[in-house]
Amino acid sequence: MVETHTVLVVDDDPSIVDLLRDFLENERYNVLTAHDAAAALAALQAQPVHCIVLDVMMPGQSGFELCRRIRAESDVPILFLSARGDDVDKIRGLTLGGDDYIVKTASPGEIVARVKAVLRRTGSRTETAQQVLTYGRLKLDLSAREVFVAGVSVSLTPKEYELLRWFAEHPRLVFTYEQLLNRFWDGVGDKHTIRVHLGRLRDKIEADPEHPRCLVNVWGVGYRFEGG
């Protein structure tokens, strides 16, 4: 039996909420809605949620503030939805732990496609065979989706985990910015998007993030996984 994913749509504009609910339900998602941070937190506590589409500018607590609260307890995928598309807001959203940042000029169909993409990337969590990748002080338990650095468990967002796993499964291969954007962001984004996520990942896995030995730059091209 195919699992029905639950998507929580959080926006203070009822017309946007209703429109996204219609499009998501048409794709057979279970949809929860909330118009502010308090209602969103209540929905998250009431039942499991597989993905959140989160407005940035809301009365009271902003989407950025709500994301920070959610990330303290959960790695549920978060897609920011904002009327502002400047790099400052985009980088802030990704730095706080967002998995994607969508400008509201995007069509409902594109937003649904981005929801599908993030669920596809984070949905394969039921591998039956135990598989562990070890590179020096770094260990990935793929069946449990756990990462350890020097024996200590490290908490990663879904996007950070998928990026690290991809690199760890392809050591020494160089991946260009374009290849990473196409695989993990469906071709939408820029170098800032990649740099923010990999910078945050380095902060968690590198002994010295300023001089990385595991996930290294190939200047002007992209990144390569050395494994420490």
Protein backbone atom coordinates (compact mmCIF):
# COMPACT_ATOMS: atom_id res chain seq x y z
CA MET A 1 0.00 0.00 0.00
CA VAL A 2 1.41 3.41 -1.00
CA GLU A 3 1.86 5.84 1.88
CA THR A 4 -0.12 9.07 1.65
CA HIS A 5 2.16 11.97 2.50
CA THR A 6 0.87 14.82 4.62
CA VAL A 7 1.79 18.37 3.62
CA LEU A 8 1.27 21.32 5.96
CA VAL A 9 0.63 24.63 4.17
CA VAL A 10 1.25 27.69 6.35
CA ASP A 11 0.26 31.10 4.96
CA ASP A 12 -1.79 34.02 6.26
CA ASP A 13 -3.41 34.50 2.83
CA PRO A 14 -6.49 32.20 2.70
CA SER A 15 -6.59 32.33 -1.11
CA ILE A 16 -3.06 30.95 -1.39
CA VAL A 17 -3.79 28.26 1.19
CA ASP A 18 -6.97 27.20 -0.61
CA LEU A 19 -5.26 27.16 -4.02
CA LEU A 20 -2.31 25.07 -2.85
CA ARG A 21 -4.60 22.72 -0.96
CA ASP A 22 -6.62 22.09 -4.13
CA PHE A 23 -3.51 21.40 -6.22
CA LEU A 24 -1.89 19.17 -3.58
CA GLU A 25 -5.07 17.20 -2.92
CA ASN A 26 -5.41 16.69 -6.67
CA GLU A 27 -2.03 14.92 -6.44
CA ARG A 28 -3.45 12.77 -3.62
CA TYR A 29 -1.58 14.41 -0.75
CA ASN A 30 -3.21 14.78 2.64
CA VAL A 31 -3.17 18.53 3.32
CA LEU A 32 -3.20 20.37 6.63
CA THR A 33 -3.45 24.17 6.71
CA ALA A 34 -2.53 26.92 9.15
CA HIS A 35 -2.64 30.71 8.95
CA ASP A 36 -0.04 31.52 11.61
CA ALA A 37 2.84 30.02 13.59
CA ALA A 38 0.74 28.95 16.58
CA ALA A 39 -1.68 26.99 14.39
CA ALA A 40 1.22 25.44 12.50
CA LEU A 41 2.87 24.21 15.70
CA ALA A 42 -0.43 22.79 16.90
CA ALA A 43 -0.83 20.91 13.61
CA LEU A 44 2.70 19.50 13.88
CA GLN A 45 1.99 18.22 17.38
CA ALA A 46 -1.34 16.69 16.37
CA GLN A 47 -0.09 14.28 13.69
CA PRO A 48 2.96 13.35 11.57
CA VAL A 49 3.78 15.76 8.76
CA HIS A 50 6.07 14.86 5.86
CA CYS A 51 6.63 18.33 4.38
CA ILE A 52 5.88 21.99 5.19
CA VAL A 53 5.23 24.80 2.72
CA LEU A 54 5.93 27.86 4.84
CA ASP A 55 5.19 31.52 4.14
CA VAL A 56 7.94 33.90 5.25
CA MET A 57 6.00 37.08 6.00
CA MET A 58 3.23 36.36 8.51
CA PRO A 59 1.75 38.49 11.29
CA GLY A 60 3.27 37.73 14.66
CA GLN A 61 5.97 35.11 14.29
CA SER A 62 7.59 35.06 10.85
CA GLY A 63 8.28 31.95 8.82
CA PHE A 64 11.98 32.31 9.57
CA GLU A 65 11.31 32.33 13.32
CA LEU A 66 8.95 29.37 13.01
CA CYS A 67 11.53 27.44 11.01
CA ARG A 68 14.09 27.99 13.76
CA ARG A 69 11.65 26.55 16.33
CA ILE A 70 10.82 23.55 14.15
CA ARG A 71 14.47 22.79 13.42
CA ALA A 72 15.18 22.59 17.15
CA GLU A 73 13.03 19.46 17.26
CA SER A 74 12.49 18.10 13.74
CA ASP A 75 14.16 17.57 10.38
CA VAL A 76 10.87 17.64 8.45
CA PRO A 77 11.47 19.17 4.97
CA ILE A 78 10.59 22.88 4.84
CA LEU A 79 9.95 24.79 1.62
CA PHE A 80 9.83 28.55 2.13
CA LEU A 81 7.25 30.46 0.08
CA SER A 82 7.92 34.18 -0.16
CA ALA A 83 6.91 37.25 -2.13
CA ARG A 84 10.56 38.36 -1.94
CA GLY A 85 13.14 36.70 -4.16
CA ASP A 86 16.31 38.57 -3.23
CA ASP A 87 19.43 36.62 -2.31
CA VAL A 88 19.54 37.91 1.27
CA ASP A 89 16.20 36.33 2.20
CA LYS A 90 16.98 33.19 0.21
CA ILE A 91 20.32 32.66 1.94
CA ARG A 92 18.77 33.36 5.34
CA GLY A 93 16.04 30.80 4.75
CA LEU A 94 18.47 28.11 3.62
CA THR A 95 20.85 28.89 6.47
CA LEU A 96 18.05 28.43 9.01
CA GLY A 97 17.45 24.93 7.67
CA GLY A 98 15.05 25.37 4.77
CA ASP A 99 15.25 22.75 2.04
CA ASP A 100 14.02 25.03 -0.71
CA TYR A 101 13.00 28.66 -1.27
CA ILE A 102 10.18 29.42 -3.71
CA VAL A 103 9.09 32.87 -4.86
CA LYS A 104 5.31 33.34 -4.94
CA THR A 105 5.38 34.20 -8.64
CA ALA A 106 5.83 30.45 -9.18
CA SER A 107 2.76 28.63 -10.45
CA PRO A 108 0.88 26.24 -8.14
CA GLY A 109 1.99 23.44 -10.44
CA GLU A 110 5.65 24.35 -9.94
CA ILE A 111 5.20 24.50 -6.17
CA VAL A 112 3.64 21.03 -6.20
CA ALA A 113 6.55 19.79 -8.33
CA ARG A 114 9.01 21.14 -5.78
CA VAL A 115 7.08 19.41 -2.97
CA LYS A 116 7.27 16.16 -4.93
CA ALA A 117 10.99 16.62 -5.45
CA VAL A 118 11.82 17.16 -1.80
CA LEU A 119 9.65 14.21 -0.73
CA ARG A 120 11.33 12.05 -3.37
CA ARG A 121 14.77 13.00 -2.03
CA THR A 122 13.86 12.39 1.61
CA GLY A 123 11.41 9.52 1.26
CA SER A 124 13.69 6.48 0.90
CA ARG A 125 14.08 5.88 4.63
CA THR A 126 13.14 2.21 4.80
CA GLU A 127 16.22 0.43 3.48
CA THR A 128 16.26 -3.09 4.87
CA ALA A 129 19.94 -3.92 4.57
CA GLN A 130 22.42 -2.46 7.02
CA GLN A 131 24.90 -0.32 5.13
CA VAL A 132 27.58 1.81 6.74
CA LEU A 133 30.05 4.12 5.01
CA THR A 134 33.12 5.01 7.05
CA TYR A 135 35.70 7.64 6.16
CA GLY A 136 38.08 8.27 9.02
CA ARG A 137 36.17 10.08 11.78
CA LEU A 138 33.01 10.27 9.63
CA LYS A 139 30.46 7.43 9.57
CA LEU A 140 27.12 7.21 7.75
CA ASP A 141 24.63 4.55 8.76
CA LEU A 142 22.46 4.53 5.64
CA SER A 143 19.76 2.19 6.92
CA ALA A 144 19.19 4.37 10.01
CA ARG A 145 19.94 7.68 8.24
CA GLU A 146 22.37 8.57 11.01
CA VAL A 147 25.68 10.39 10.79
CA PHE A 148 28.48 10.22 13.32
CA VAL A 149 31.60 12.36 13.60
CA ALA A 150 34.29 10.95 15.88
CA GLY A 151 31.63 8.70 17.44
CA VAL A 152 29.22 11.56 18.17
CA SER A 153 25.81 11.66 16.47
CA VAL A 154 25.33 14.72 14.26
CA SER A 155 21.89 16.15 13.43
CA LEU A 156 21.47 17.00 9.73
CA THR A 157 18.53 18.41 7.82
CA PRO A 158 17.11 16.15 5.08
CA LYS A 159 18.87 18.17 2.38
CA GLU A 160 22.19 18.10 4.25
CA TYR A 161 21.92 14.34 4.70
CA GLU A 162 21.10 13.69 1.05
CA LEU A 163 24.00 15.89 -0.07
CA LEU A 164 26.45 14.16 2.26
CA ARG A 165 25.24 10.71 1.27
CA TRP A 166 25.57 11.53 -2.42
CA PHE A 167 29.13 12.73 -1.99
CA ALA A 168 30.08 9.84 0.31
CA GLU A 169 28.76 7.30 -2.21
CA HIS A 170 30.86 8.92 -4.95
CA PRO A 171 34.27 9.69 -3.38
CA ARG A 172 36.81 11.63 -5.42
CA LEU A 173 34.29 12.48 -8.14
CA VAL A 174 33.92 16.18 -8.95
CA PHE A 175 30.36 17.48 -9.11
CA THR A 176 29.77 20.83 -10.76
CA TYR A 177 27.43 23.50 -9.45
CA GLU A 178 25.07 22.76 -12.35
CA GLN A 179 25.01 19.02 -11.59
CA LEU A 180 24.24 19.64 -7.92
CA LEU A 181 21.49 22.15 -8.73
CA ASN A 182 19.88 19.75 -11.19
CA ARG A 183 19.97 16.80 -8.81
CA PHE A 184 19.00 18.42 -5.51
CA TRP A 185 17.09 21.56 -6.51
CA ASP A 186 15.58 20.53 -9.86
CA GLY A 187 17.77 23.08 -11.60
CA VAL A 188 16.29 26.00 -9.65
CA GLY A 189 18.75 28.14 -7.70
CA ASP A 190 22.30 29.37 -8.00
CA LYS A 191 25.76 28.97 -6.50
CA HIS A 192 24.62 30.75 -3.33
CA THR A 193 22.10 27.98 -2.69
CA ILE A 194 24.80 25.30 -2.88
CA ARG A 195 27.38 27.26 -0.90
CA VAL A 196 24.97 27.91 1.97
CA HIS A 197 23.99 24.24 2.31
CA LEU A 198 27.52 22.88 1.97
CA GLY A 199 28.86 25.55 4.31
CA ARG A 200 26.31 24.49 6.93
CA LEU A 201 27.20 20.84 6.32
CA ARG A 202 30.91 21.53 6.73
CA ASP A 203 30.23 23.24 10.05
CA LYS A 204 28.80 19.94 11.28
CA ILE A 205 31.25 17.37 9.87
CA GLU A 206 34.61 19.09 9.42
CA ALA A 207 37.18 19.38 12.22
CA ASP A 208 38.09 22.79 10.79
CA PRO A 209 35.32 24.12 8.49
CA GLU A 210 37.56 26.97 7.31
CA HIS A 211 40.07 24.41 6.00
CA PRO A 212 37.92 21.43 4.96
CA ARG A 213 39.55 18.07 4.36
CA CYS A 214 36.42 16.03 3.72
CA LEU A 215 34.24 18.09 1.38
CA VAL A 216 36.60 20.23 -0.67
CA ASN A 217 36.21 22.92 -3.31
CA VAL A 218 37.38 22.38 -6.85
CA TRP A 219 37.81 26.04 -7.61
CA GLY A 220 35.69 27.35 -10.44
CA VAL A 221 34.07 23.94 -10.98
CA GLY A 222 32.28 22.54 -7.91
CA TYR A 223 33.02 20.14 -5.07
CA ARG A 224 34.66 16.78 -4.41
CA PHE A 225 34.39 14.37 -1.46
CA GLU A 226 37.77 13.34 -0.05
CA GLY A 227 36.50 11.58 3.06
CA GLY A 228 38.91 13.30 5.41
